[in-house]
Protein backbone atom coordinates (compact mmCIF):
# COMPACT_ATOMS: atom_id res chain seq x y z
CA MET A 1 6.72 27.89 -41.32
CA LYS A 2 7.69 24.34 -41.02
CA LYS A 3 9.47 25.05 -37.63
CA PRO A 4 6.31 26.28 -35.86
CA ASN A 5 4.24 23.19 -37.13
CA PHE A 6 7.01 20.90 -35.86
CA LEU A 7 6.83 22.50 -32.67
CA LEU A 8 3.25 22.28 -32.29
CA LEU A 9 3.25 18.63 -33.44
CA PHE A 10 6.02 17.84 -30.83
CA THR A 11 4.02 19.80 -28.00
CA MET A 12 0.94 17.82 -29.04
CA PHE A 13 2.69 14.43 -28.79
CA LEU A 14 4.42 15.03 -25.15
CA SER A 15 0.90 16.63 -24.03
CA PHE A 16 -0.91 13.05 -25.21
CA PHE A 17 1.94 10.98 -23.57
CA ALA A 18 1.74 12.69 -20.25
CA LEU A 19 -1.93 12.51 -20.35
CA TYR A 20 -1.79 8.85 -21.17
CA SER A 21 0.34 8.02 -18.35
CA SER A 22 -1.25 9.94 -15.75
CA THR A 23 -4.71 8.28 -16.64
CA PHE A 24 -3.43 4.95 -15.25
CA ALA A 25 -1.22 5.95 -12.43
CA GLN A 26 -4.01 4.79 -9.84
CA VAL A 27 -5.47 1.85 -11.18
CA GLU A 28 -3.32 -0.48 -9.16
CA PRO A 29 -4.34 -1.06 -5.28
CA VAL A 30 -2.29 1.52 -3.14
CA LEU A 31 -1.00 0.25 0.55
CA TYR A 32 -0.05 2.84 3.07
CA PHE A 33 -0.24 3.43 6.84
CA CYS A 34 -1.84 5.25 9.67
CA GLU A 35 -1.78 5.44 13.57
CA ARG A 36 -5.64 4.11 13.45
CA TYR A 37 -8.94 4.90 11.59
CA ASP A 38 -11.81 6.54 13.09
CA ALA A 39 -15.25 6.45 11.60
CA TYR A 40 -15.91 10.15 11.71
CA GLU A 41 -12.17 11.45 11.00
CA GLY A 42 -11.06 8.92 8.86
CA GLU A 43 -7.33 7.99 8.81
CA ILE A 44 -5.43 9.57 11.56
CA GLY A 45 -1.76 9.66 11.69
CA VAL A 46 -0.87 8.82 7.87
CA ARG A 47 2.93 8.17 7.35
CA ASP A 48 5.53 5.57 6.85
CA ARG A 49 7.37 5.86 9.96
CA PHE A 50 5.93 4.95 13.28
CA THR A 51 7.32 3.78 16.96
CA LYS A 52 6.93 0.43 18.00
CA GLY A 53 3.34 -0.77 18.73
CA PRO A 54 0.38 -1.38 16.32
CA VAL A 55 -0.15 -0.07 12.98
CA THR A 56 -3.30 0.28 10.88
CA VAL A 57 -2.95 -0.77 7.24
CA VAL A 58 -4.60 1.16 4.49
CA VAL A 59 -5.74 -0.31 1.10
CA LYS A 60 -7.07 1.71 -1.57
CA SER A 61 -7.91 1.20 -5.09
CA GLU A 62 -10.14 2.92 -8.01
CA LEU A 63 -11.49 -0.59 -8.74
CA ALA A 64 -13.25 -3.00 -6.63
CA LEU A 65 -10.32 -5.34 -4.99
CA ASN A 66 -12.37 -8.46 -5.93
CA LEU A 67 -10.99 -10.10 -2.84
CA GLU A 68 -12.40 -11.95 0.26
CA SER A 69 -10.03 -13.90 1.88
CA VAL A 70 -6.68 -11.95 2.07
CA ALA A 71 -3.51 -11.79 4.41
CA ILE A 72 -1.54 -8.85 5.53
CA GLN A 73 2.18 -9.93 5.81
CA PHE A 74 5.07 -8.36 7.85
CA ASP A 75 8.54 -9.22 6.41
CA ARG A 76 11.43 -7.74 8.50
CA TYR A 77 14.74 -6.55 6.64
CA ASN A 78 17.70 -8.54 8.20
CA PHE A 79 20.88 -6.07 8.01
CA ARG A 80 23.19 -9.27 8.15
CA SER A 81 21.84 -11.13 5.27
CA ASN A 82 20.66 -7.83 3.40
CA GLU A 83 17.22 -9.75 2.79
CA PHE A 84 13.75 -9.43 4.02
CA GLU A 85 12.49 -12.41 6.17
CA PHE A 86 9.16 -13.34 7.38
CA TYR A 87 8.12 -11.79 10.68
CA LYS A 88 4.13 -11.92 10.91
CA LYS A 89 0.84 -12.65 9.09
CA PHE A 90 -2.70 -12.08 9.62
CA PHE A 91 -5.56 -13.14 8.00
CA PHE A 92 -8.61 -11.28 7.37
CA THR A 93 -12.14 -11.31 5.50
CA ILE A 94 -13.44 -8.47 3.20
CA GLN A 95 -16.10 -7.70 0.63
CA LYS A 96 -15.39 -8.41 -3.02
CA GLU A 97 -16.63 -4.97 -3.84
CA ASP A 98 -14.27 -3.22 -1.52
CA THR A 99 -12.43 -0.29 -2.98
CA TYR A 100 -10.94 0.85 0.56
CA VAL A 101 -9.95 -1.29 3.53
CA TYR A 102 -8.37 -0.58 6.56
CA PHE A 103 -6.55 -3.63 8.72
CA ALA A 104 -6.21 -2.87 12.26
CA LYS A 105 -5.54 -4.68 15.28
CA ASN A 106 -8.28 -7.26 16.34
CA GLU A 107 -8.72 -10.12 18.68
CA GLU A 108 -7.12 -12.24 16.22
CA SER A 109 -4.42 -9.85 14.70
CA ASP A 110 -2.52 -7.69 16.85
CA MET A 111 -0.72 -6.10 13.78
CA GLU A 112 2.11 -5.05 16.15
CA PHE A 113 5.98 -4.23 15.49
CA GLU A 114 7.66 -5.10 18.45
CA TYR A 115 11.09 -4.27 16.82
CA PRO A 116 12.78 -1.16 15.33
CA GLY A 117 13.96 -1.78 11.68
CA PHE A 118 12.42 -1.62 8.17
CA TYR A 119 9.71 -3.68 7.22
CA ARG A 120 7.82 -4.72 3.78
CA VAL A 121 4.12 -5.08 4.33
CA PHE A 122 1.87 -7.12 1.92
CA LEU A 123 -1.82 -7.38 1.07
CA LEU A 124 -1.90 -10.97 -0.22
CA ASP A 125 -4.75 -12.78 -1.69
CA LYS A 126 -5.94 -16.13 -1.05
CA ASP A 127 -2.99 -18.07 -2.47
CA ASP A 128 -0.49 -16.03 -1.12
CA ASN A 129 0.09 -13.59 -4.40
CA THR A 130 0.91 -9.88 -3.56
CA VAL A 131 -1.86 -7.44 -4.63
CA THR A 132 -0.09 -4.51 -3.12
CA SER A 133 2.77 -3.84 -0.97
CA ALA A 134 4.69 -0.98 1.08
CA ILE A 135 7.88 -0.20 3.30
CA ILE A 136 7.35 1.06 6.90
CA GLU A 137 10.21 1.94 9.23
CA ILE A 138 9.72 1.26 12.99
CA ILE A 139 11.81 3.37 15.47
CA ASP A 140 12.23 3.18 19.35
């Protein structure tokens, strides 16, 4: 009789742990990439591998980002030094209450990758603190 009680208690514990950990899985902002954003169709061509050229960076969060002045920074991986090195940085203004925002090529920001390789892309706040980041591969 004690064995089924132990199994039941153990199963409840595991279920609670799994539920608790998945509850907070998407609280932090997520950064990802697409070819472009269309007002009617939304994100077009979502992936993490692109050919050279401009890419749209998307940030999504369950909570308001609470940011106004932000930057998107590209760091390129240098295989000789085994480190990421600064490549480009673009500045944008968003609304504090935004939970979803995309950063695309415009007059001030080309959002373009000219060389193949691996890049780390950051969303930075006004003090250059990392809000979120992701890796993208650029191919010929």
